[in-house]
Amino acid sequence: MALVEWGLAERPFPGEEVSGDLCVVEDLGESVLAAVIDGLGHGPEAHHAAERVADAVRAHRSAPLPSLMQAAHRSANGTRGAAVTLGRFDSTGVELLAVGNVSGVVLRPNESTELRRVPLRGGIVGFRLPSLGQVDRLPLEPEDRVLLVSDGIRSDFARQLDAHLPPADLAERLLSSCARESDDATVLVVRYRGE
């Protein structure tokens, strides 16, 4: 994946064998699709909801993000539903579309300014999909990091960010220092390389 390098850290709710959080990363040649999916709650039913969404993401990976989110919504119908954030990286930056509380931030290593946060739309994929409107398009520069985290990561995770760490190391650091004991937890870090 020439466009990006990525790292993932995840763990299920303590005591559970499966996680309700799933991640999908698909190399599409000229772009890379990433998704973090948080099935509501935890345990097998949350895992089932997340699996249904992940299957739809893979099956419709080339579709525009609103169409992809709608396909995920149809696929998750009848499950407990999920929060989903989708990102498509290409040679100019990233398109992002978020429904529910999978948070996203863009971290620029050479700036000390406030993080850019991915706008979240209220709703539940599989139960109540909001009006999706336009996707959020952000230009990226080489070495920028896009972080997608489930709500099993404390909201103050931004204090732990080190933009100079490799993606896998940064993901592991955030998981170990910011995971809640009351939920599944997932951190996806994507380092943008550009062309």
C-alpha atoms as a PDB file:
ATOM      1  CA  MET A   1       0.000   0.000   0.000  1.00  0.00           C
ATOM      2  CA  ALA A   2       2.105   2.863  -1.261  1.00  0.00           C
ATOM      3  CA  LEU A   3      -0.414   5.526  -0.223  1.00  0.00           C
ATOM      4  CA  VAL A   4      -0.522   4.624   3.467  1.00  0.00           C
ATOM      5  CA  GLU A   5       1.048   2.641   6.259  1.00  0.00           C
ATOM      6  CA  TRP A   6      -1.298   1.558   9.018  1.00  0.00           C
ATOM      7  CA  GLY A   7      -1.275   0.031  12.472  1.00  0.00           C
ATOM      8  CA  LEU A   8      -4.081  -1.513  14.487  1.00  0.00           C
ATOM      9  CA  ALA A   9      -4.469  -2.267  18.185  1.00  0.00           C
ATOM     10  CA  GLU A  10      -7.626  -3.847  19.578  1.00  0.00           C
ATOM     11  CA  ARG A  11      -8.983  -5.906  22.433  1.00  0.00           C
ATOM     12  CA  PRO A  12     -12.402  -7.225  23.437  1.00  0.00           C
ATOM     13  CA  PHE A  13     -14.305  -6.264  26.559  1.00  0.00           C
ATOM     14  CA  PRO A  14     -12.462  -7.936  29.466  1.00  0.00           C
ATOM     15  CA  GLY A  15     -13.821 -11.459  29.889  1.00  0.00           C
ATOM     16  CA  GLU A  16     -15.295 -11.712  26.381  1.00  0.00           C
ATOM     17  CA  GLU A  17     -13.860 -14.006  23.693  1.00  0.00           C
ATOM     18  CA  VAL A  18     -14.939 -11.869  20.733  1.00  0.00           C
ATOM     19  CA  SER A  19     -14.971  -8.134  20.153  1.00  0.00           C
ATOM     20  CA  GLY A  20     -17.841  -6.021  18.901  1.00  0.00           C
ATOM     21  CA  ASP A  21     -15.239  -3.771  17.256  1.00  0.00           C
ATOM     22  CA  LEU A  22     -13.876  -4.631  13.819  1.00  0.00           C
ATOM     23  CA  CYS A  23     -11.552  -2.919  11.373  1.00  0.00           C
ATOM     24  CA  VAL A  24     -11.398  -3.248   7.586  1.00  0.00           C
ATOM     25  CA  VAL A  25      -8.526  -1.948   5.429  1.00  0.00           C
ATOM     26  CA  GLU A  26      -8.716  -2.588   1.671  1.00  0.00           C
ATOM     27  CA  ASP A  27      -6.090  -1.596  -0.909  1.00  0.00           C
ATOM     28  CA  LEU A  28      -7.938  -0.604  -4.069  1.00  0.00           C
ATOM     29  CA  GLY A  29      -4.885   0.332  -6.112  1.00  0.00           C
ATOM     30  CA  GLU A  30      -5.444   4.078  -6.570  1.00  0.00           C
ATOM     31  CA  SER A  31      -7.049   4.418  -3.137  1.00  0.00           C
ATOM     32  CA  VAL A  32      -7.205   2.701   0.247  1.00  0.00           C
ATOM     33  CA  LEU A  33     -10.468   2.186   2.126  1.00  0.00           C
ATOM     34  CA  ALA A  34     -10.434   2.019   5.926  1.00  0.00           C
ATOM     35  CA  ALA A  35     -13.334   1.405   8.296  1.00  0.00           C
ATOM     36  CA  VAL A  36     -13.680   1.103  12.048  1.00  0.00           C
ATOM     37  CA  ILE A  37     -16.933  -0.538  13.107  1.00  0.00           C
ATOM     38  CA  ASP A  38     -18.263  -0.630  16.675  1.00  0.00           C
ATOM     39  CA  GLY A  39     -21.190  -3.003  17.149  1.00  0.00           C
ATOM     40  CA  LEU A  40     -23.411  -1.645  19.924  1.00  0.00           C
ATOM     41  CA  GLY A  41     -22.523  -3.078  23.308  1.00  0.00           C
ATOM     42  CA  HIS A  42     -20.084  -5.971  23.484  1.00  0.00           C
ATOM     43  CA  GLY A  43     -19.994  -9.744  23.171  1.00  0.00           C
ATOM     44  CA  PRO A  44     -21.340 -12.064  20.465  1.00  0.00           C
ATOM     45  CA  GLU A  45     -24.334  -9.927  19.411  1.00  0.00           C
ATOM     46  CA  ALA A  46     -22.157  -6.837  18.977  1.00  0.00           C
ATOM     47  CA  HIS A  47     -19.634  -8.956  17.076  1.00  0.00           C
ATOM     48  CA  HIS A  48     -22.378 -10.262  14.792  1.00  0.00           C
ATOM     49  CA  ALA A  49     -23.551  -6.707  13.989  1.00  0.00           C
ATOM     50  CA  ALA A  50     -19.970  -5.589  13.284  1.00  0.00           C
ATOM     51  CA  GLU A  51     -19.356  -8.634  11.053  1.00  0.00           C
ATOM     52  CA  ARG A  52     -22.440  -7.849   8.972  1.00  0.00           C
ATOM     53  CA  VAL A  53     -21.205  -4.273   8.453  1.00  0.00           C
ATOM     54  CA  ALA A  54     -17.647  -5.444   7.679  1.00  0.00           C
ATOM     55  CA  ASP A  55     -18.959  -7.887   5.066  1.00  0.00           C
ATOM     56  CA  ALA A  56     -20.905  -5.072   3.376  1.00  0.00           C
ATOM     57  CA  VAL A  57     -17.864  -2.767   3.458  1.00  0.00           C
ATOM     58  CA  ARG A  58     -15.743  -5.405   1.722  1.00  0.00           C
ATOM     59  CA  ALA A  59     -18.453  -6.237  -0.821  1.00  0.00           C
ATOM     60  CA  HIS A  60     -19.050  -2.571  -1.756  1.00  0.00           C
ATOM     61  CA  ARG A  61     -15.517  -1.257  -1.176  1.00  0.00           C
ATOM     62  CA  SER A  62     -15.349   0.643  -4.492  1.00  0.00           C
ATOM     63  CA  ALA A  63     -18.673   2.464  -4.024  1.00  0.00           C
ATOM     64  CA  PRO A  64     -18.842   6.151  -3.022  1.00  0.00           C
ATOM     65  CA  LEU A  65     -18.833   6.449   0.772  1.00  0.00           C
ATOM     66  CA  PRO A  66     -22.537   7.398   1.132  1.00  0.00           C
ATOM     67  CA  SER A  67     -23.547   4.362  -0.973  1.00  0.00           C
ATOM     68  CA  LEU A  68     -21.176   2.187   1.042  1.00  0.00           C
ATOM     69  CA  MET A  69     -22.688   3.414   4.324  1.00  0.00           C
ATOM     70  CA  GLN A  70     -26.201   2.728   2.993  1.00  0.00           C
ATOM     71  CA  ALA A  71     -25.155  -0.823   2.010  1.00  0.00           C
ATOM     72  CA  ALA A  72     -23.739  -1.328   5.510  1.00  0.00           C
ATOM     73  CA  HIS A  73     -27.008  -0.034   6.981  1.00  0.00           C
ATOM     74  CA  ARG A  74     -29.075  -2.521   4.944  1.00  0.00           C
ATOM     75  CA  SER A  75     -26.731  -5.363   5.872  1.00  0.00           C
ATOM     76  CA  ALA A  76     -26.916  -4.593   9.601  1.00  0.00           C
ATOM     77  CA  ASN A  77     -30.715  -4.350   9.624  1.00  0.00           C
ATOM     78  CA  GLY A  78     -32.091  -6.753  12.222  1.00  0.00           C
ATOM     79  CA  THR A  79     -28.918  -6.669  14.328  1.00  0.00           C
ATOM     80  CA  ARG A  80     -28.309  -4.384  17.305  1.00  0.00           C
ATOM     81  CA  GLY A  81     -26.565  -1.965  14.912  1.00  0.00           C
ATOM     82  CA  ALA A  82     -23.194  -0.259  14.870  1.00  0.00           C
ATOM     83  CA  ALA A  83     -21.279   3.000  14.824  1.00  0.00           C
ATOM     84  CA  VAL A  84     -19.146   3.247  11.669  1.00  0.00           C
ATOM     85  CA  THR A  85     -16.482   5.602  10.369  1.00  0.00           C
ATOM     86  CA  LEU A  86     -15.291   5.166   6.786  1.00  0.00           C
ATOM     87  CA  GLY A  87     -12.202   6.733   5.217  1.00  0.00           C
ATOM     88  CA  ARG A  88     -11.004   6.617   1.624  1.00  0.00           C
ATOM     89  CA  PHE A  89      -7.412   7.736   1.071  1.00  0.00           C
ATOM     90  CA  ASP A  90      -6.184   8.824  -2.353  1.00  0.00           C
ATOM     91  CA  SER A  91      -3.426  10.932  -3.886  1.00  0.00           C
ATOM     92  CA  THR A  92      -4.892  14.205  -2.602  1.00  0.00           C
ATOM     93  CA  GLY A  93      -6.045  13.294   0.904  1.00  0.00           C
ATOM     94  CA  VAL A  94      -8.931  11.516   2.576  1.00  0.00           C
ATOM     95  CA  GLU A  95     -12.727  11.436   2.392  1.00  0.00           C
ATOM     96  CA  LEU A  96     -14.398  10.627   5.701  1.00  0.00           C
ATOM     97  CA  LEU A  97     -17.941   9.681   6.635  1.00  0.00           C
ATOM     98  CA  ALA A  98     -18.925   8.900  10.228  1.00  0.00           C
ATOM     99  CA  VAL A  99     -22.204   7.719  11.747  1.00  0.00           C
ATOM    100  CA  GLY A 100     -22.234   7.183  15.492  1.00  0.00           C
ATOM    101  CA  ASN A 101     -19.369   7.562  17.918  1.00  0.00           C
ATOM    102  CA  VAL A 102     -16.267   6.120  16.222  1.00  0.00           C
ATOM    103  CA  SER A 103     -14.107   9.209  16.619  1.00  0.00           C
ATOM    104  CA  GLY A 104     -11.551  10.377  14.127  1.00  0.00           C
ATOM    105  CA  VAL A 105      -8.758  12.935  14.269  1.00  0.00           C
ATOM    106  CA  VAL A 106      -6.130  14.116  11.830  1.00  0.00           C
ATOM    107  CA  LEU A 107      -2.690  14.682  13.345  1.00  0.00           C
ATOM    108  CA  ARG A 108      -0.048  16.710  11.520  1.00  0.00           C
ATOM    109  CA  PRO A 109       3.466  16.019  12.913  1.00  0.00           C
ATOM    110  CA  ASN A 110       4.943  19.425  12.179  1.00  0.00           C
ATOM    111  CA  GLU A 111       2.170  21.578  13.634  1.00  0.00           C
ATOM    112  CA  SER A 112       1.241  22.219  17.230  1.00  0.00           C
ATOM    113  CA  THR A 113      -2.201  23.525  16.316  1.00  0.00           C
ATOM    114  CA  GLU A 114      -5.393  21.878  17.512  1.00  0.00           C
ATOM    115  CA  LEU A 115      -6.254  18.523  15.985  1.00  0.00           C
ATOM    116  CA  ARG A 116      -8.733  18.361  13.139  1.00  0.00           C
ATOM    117  CA  ARG A 117     -11.656  16.201  14.237  1.00  0.00           C
ATOM    118  CA  VAL A 118     -13.871  14.169  11.930  1.00  0.00           C
ATOM    119  CA  PRO A 119     -17.484  15.419  12.169  1.00  0.00           C
ATOM    120  CA  LEU A 120     -19.790  12.723  13.573  1.00  0.00           C
ATOM    121  CA  ARG A 121     -23.401  12.230  12.499  1.00  0.00           C
ATOM    122  CA  GLY A 122     -25.829  10.923  15.086  1.00  0.00           C
ATOM    123  CA  GLY A 123     -27.444   7.602  14.279  1.00  0.00           C
ATOM    124  CA  ILE A 124     -27.002   3.846  14.295  1.00  0.00           C
ATOM    125  CA  VAL A 125     -26.035   1.918  11.186  1.00  0.00           C
ATOM    126  CA  GLY A 126     -28.607  -0.864  10.851  1.00  0.00           C
ATOM    127  CA  PHE A 127     -31.258   0.932  12.884  1.00  0.00           C
ATOM    128  CA  ARG A 128     -31.508   4.685  12.197  1.00  0.00           C
ATOM    129  CA  LEU A 129     -29.327   6.101   9.436  1.00  0.00           C
ATOM    130  CA  PRO A 130     -29.210   9.908   9.371  1.00  0.00           C
ATOM    131  CA  SER A 131     -29.128  12.062   6.253  1.00  0.00           C
ATOM    132  CA  LEU A 132     -25.555  11.563   5.066  1.00  0.00           C
ATOM    133  CA  GLY A 133     -25.122  14.728   3.014  1.00  0.00           C
ATOM    134  CA  GLN A 134     -21.650  15.438   1.708  1.00  0.00           C
ATOM    135  CA  VAL A 135     -18.608  13.471   2.776  1.00  0.00           C
ATOM    136  CA  ASP A 136     -15.917  15.377   4.638  1.00  0.00           C
ATOM    137  CA  ARG A 137     -12.883  15.879   2.388  1.00  0.00           C
ATOM    138  CA  LEU A 138      -9.551  16.731   4.015  1.00  0.00           C
ATOM    139  CA  PRO A 139      -6.321  17.401   2.158  1.00  0.00           C
ATOM    140  CA  LEU A 140      -3.381  15.517   3.658  1.00  0.00           C
ATOM    141  CA  GLU A 141       0.364  15.971   3.550  1.00  0.00           C
ATOM    142  CA  PRO A 142       2.926  13.172   3.747  1.00  0.00           C
ATOM    143  CA  GLU A 143       3.393  11.999   7.360  1.00  0.00           C
ATOM    144  CA  ASP A 144      -0.064  13.138   8.488  1.00  0.00           C
ATOM    145  CA  ARG A 145      -1.814  10.554  10.649  1.00  0.00           C
ATOM    146  CA  VAL A 146      -5.527   9.790  10.635  1.00  0.00           C
ATOM    147  CA  LEU A 147      -6.701   8.047  13.804  1.00  0.00           C
ATOM    148  CA  LEU A 148     -10.029   6.238  14.111  1.00  0.00           C
ATOM    149  CA  VAL A 149     -10.981   5.014  17.594  1.00  0.00           C
ATOM    150  CA  SER A 150     -14.011   3.231  18.988  1.00  0.00           C
ATOM    151  CA  ASP A 151     -15.740   4.602  22.076  1.00  0.00           C
ATOM    152  CA  GLY A 152     -13.836   2.039  24.129  1.00  0.00           C
ATOM    153  CA  ILE A 153     -10.990   4.570  23.995  1.00  0.00           C
ATOM    154  CA  ARG A 154     -11.270   7.478  26.449  1.00  0.00           C
ATOM    155  CA  SER A 155     -12.121  10.825  24.868  1.00  0.00           C
ATOM    156  CA  ASP A 156      -8.922  12.390  26.242  1.00  0.00           C
ATOM    157  CA  PHE A 157      -6.782  10.109  24.033  1.00  0.00           C
ATOM    158  CA  ALA A 158      -5.569  13.153  22.082  1.00  0.00           C
ATOM    159  CA  ARG A 159      -3.279  14.010  25.019  1.00  0.00           C
ATOM    160  CA  GLN A 160      -1.322  10.814  24.369  1.00  0.00           C
ATOM    161  CA  LEU A 161      -0.558  11.501  20.708  1.00  0.00           C
ATOM    162  CA  ASP A 162       2.980  11.406  19.388  1.00  0.00           C
ATOM    163  CA  ALA A 163       2.935  12.089  15.655  1.00  0.00           C
ATOM    164  CA  HIS A 164       6.454  10.749  15.219  1.00  0.00           C
ATOM    165  CA  LEU A 165       5.701   7.178  16.321  1.00  0.00           C
ATOM    166  CA  PRO A 166       5.142   4.496  13.669  1.00  0.00           C
ATOM    167  CA  PRO A 167       1.412   3.727  13.269  1.00  0.00           C
ATOM    168  CA  ALA A 168       1.517   0.344  15.027  1.00  0.00           C
ATOM    169  CA  ASP A 169       3.426   1.778  18.011  1.00  0.00           C
ATOM    170  CA  LEU A 170       1.063   4.738  18.333  1.00  0.00           C
ATOM    171  CA  ALA A 171      -1.973   2.440  18.148  1.00  0.00           C
ATOM    172  CA  GLU A 172      -0.549   0.169  20.882  1.00  0.00           C
ATOM    173  CA  ARG A 173       0.315   3.157  23.086  1.00  0.00           C
ATOM    174  CA  LEU A 174      -3.216   4.535  22.847  1.00  0.00           C
ATOM    175  CA  LEU A 175      -4.792   1.145  23.508  1.00  0.00           C
ATOM    176  CA  SER A 176      -2.634   0.493  26.576  1.00  0.00           C
ATOM    177  CA  SER A 177      -3.044   3.978  28.072  1.00  0.00           C
ATOM    178  CA  CYS A 178      -6.585   4.988  27.055  1.00  0.00           C
ATOM    179  CA  ALA A 179      -8.753   1.844  26.805  1.00  0.00           C
ATOM    180  CA  ARG A 180     -11.849   1.752  29.012  1.00  0.00           C
ATOM    181  CA  GLU A 181     -12.447  -1.402  31.037  1.00  0.00           C
ATOM    182  CA  SER A 182     -16.182  -1.140  30.270  1.00  0.00           C
ATOM    183  CA  ASP A 183     -16.115  -1.806  26.495  1.00  0.00           C
ATOM    184  CA  ASP A 184     -14.300  -3.288  23.521  1.00  0.00           C
ATOM    185  CA  ALA A 185     -11.510  -0.981  22.324  1.00  0.00           C
ATOM    186  CA  THR A 186      -9.974  -0.373  18.895  1.00  0.00           C
ATOM    187  CA  VAL A 187      -7.418   2.096  17.540  1.00  0.00           C
ATOM    188  CA  LEU A 188      -6.544   2.378  13.847  1.00  0.00           C
ATOM    189  CA  VAL A 189      -3.686   4.721  12.898  1.00  0.00           C
ATOM    190  CA  VAL A 190      -3.109   5.464   9.207  1.00  0.00           C
ATOM    191  CA  ARG A 191       0.065   7.311   8.196  1.00  0.00           C
ATOM    192  CA  TYR A 192      -0.403   9.070   4.880  1.00  0.00           C
ATOM    193  CA  ARG A 193       2.511   8.704   2.491  1.00  0.00           C
ATOM    194  CA  GLY A 194       0.987  10.410  -0.531  1.00  0.00           C
ATOM    195  CA  GLU A 195       2.358   9.512  -3.930  1.00  0.00           C
END
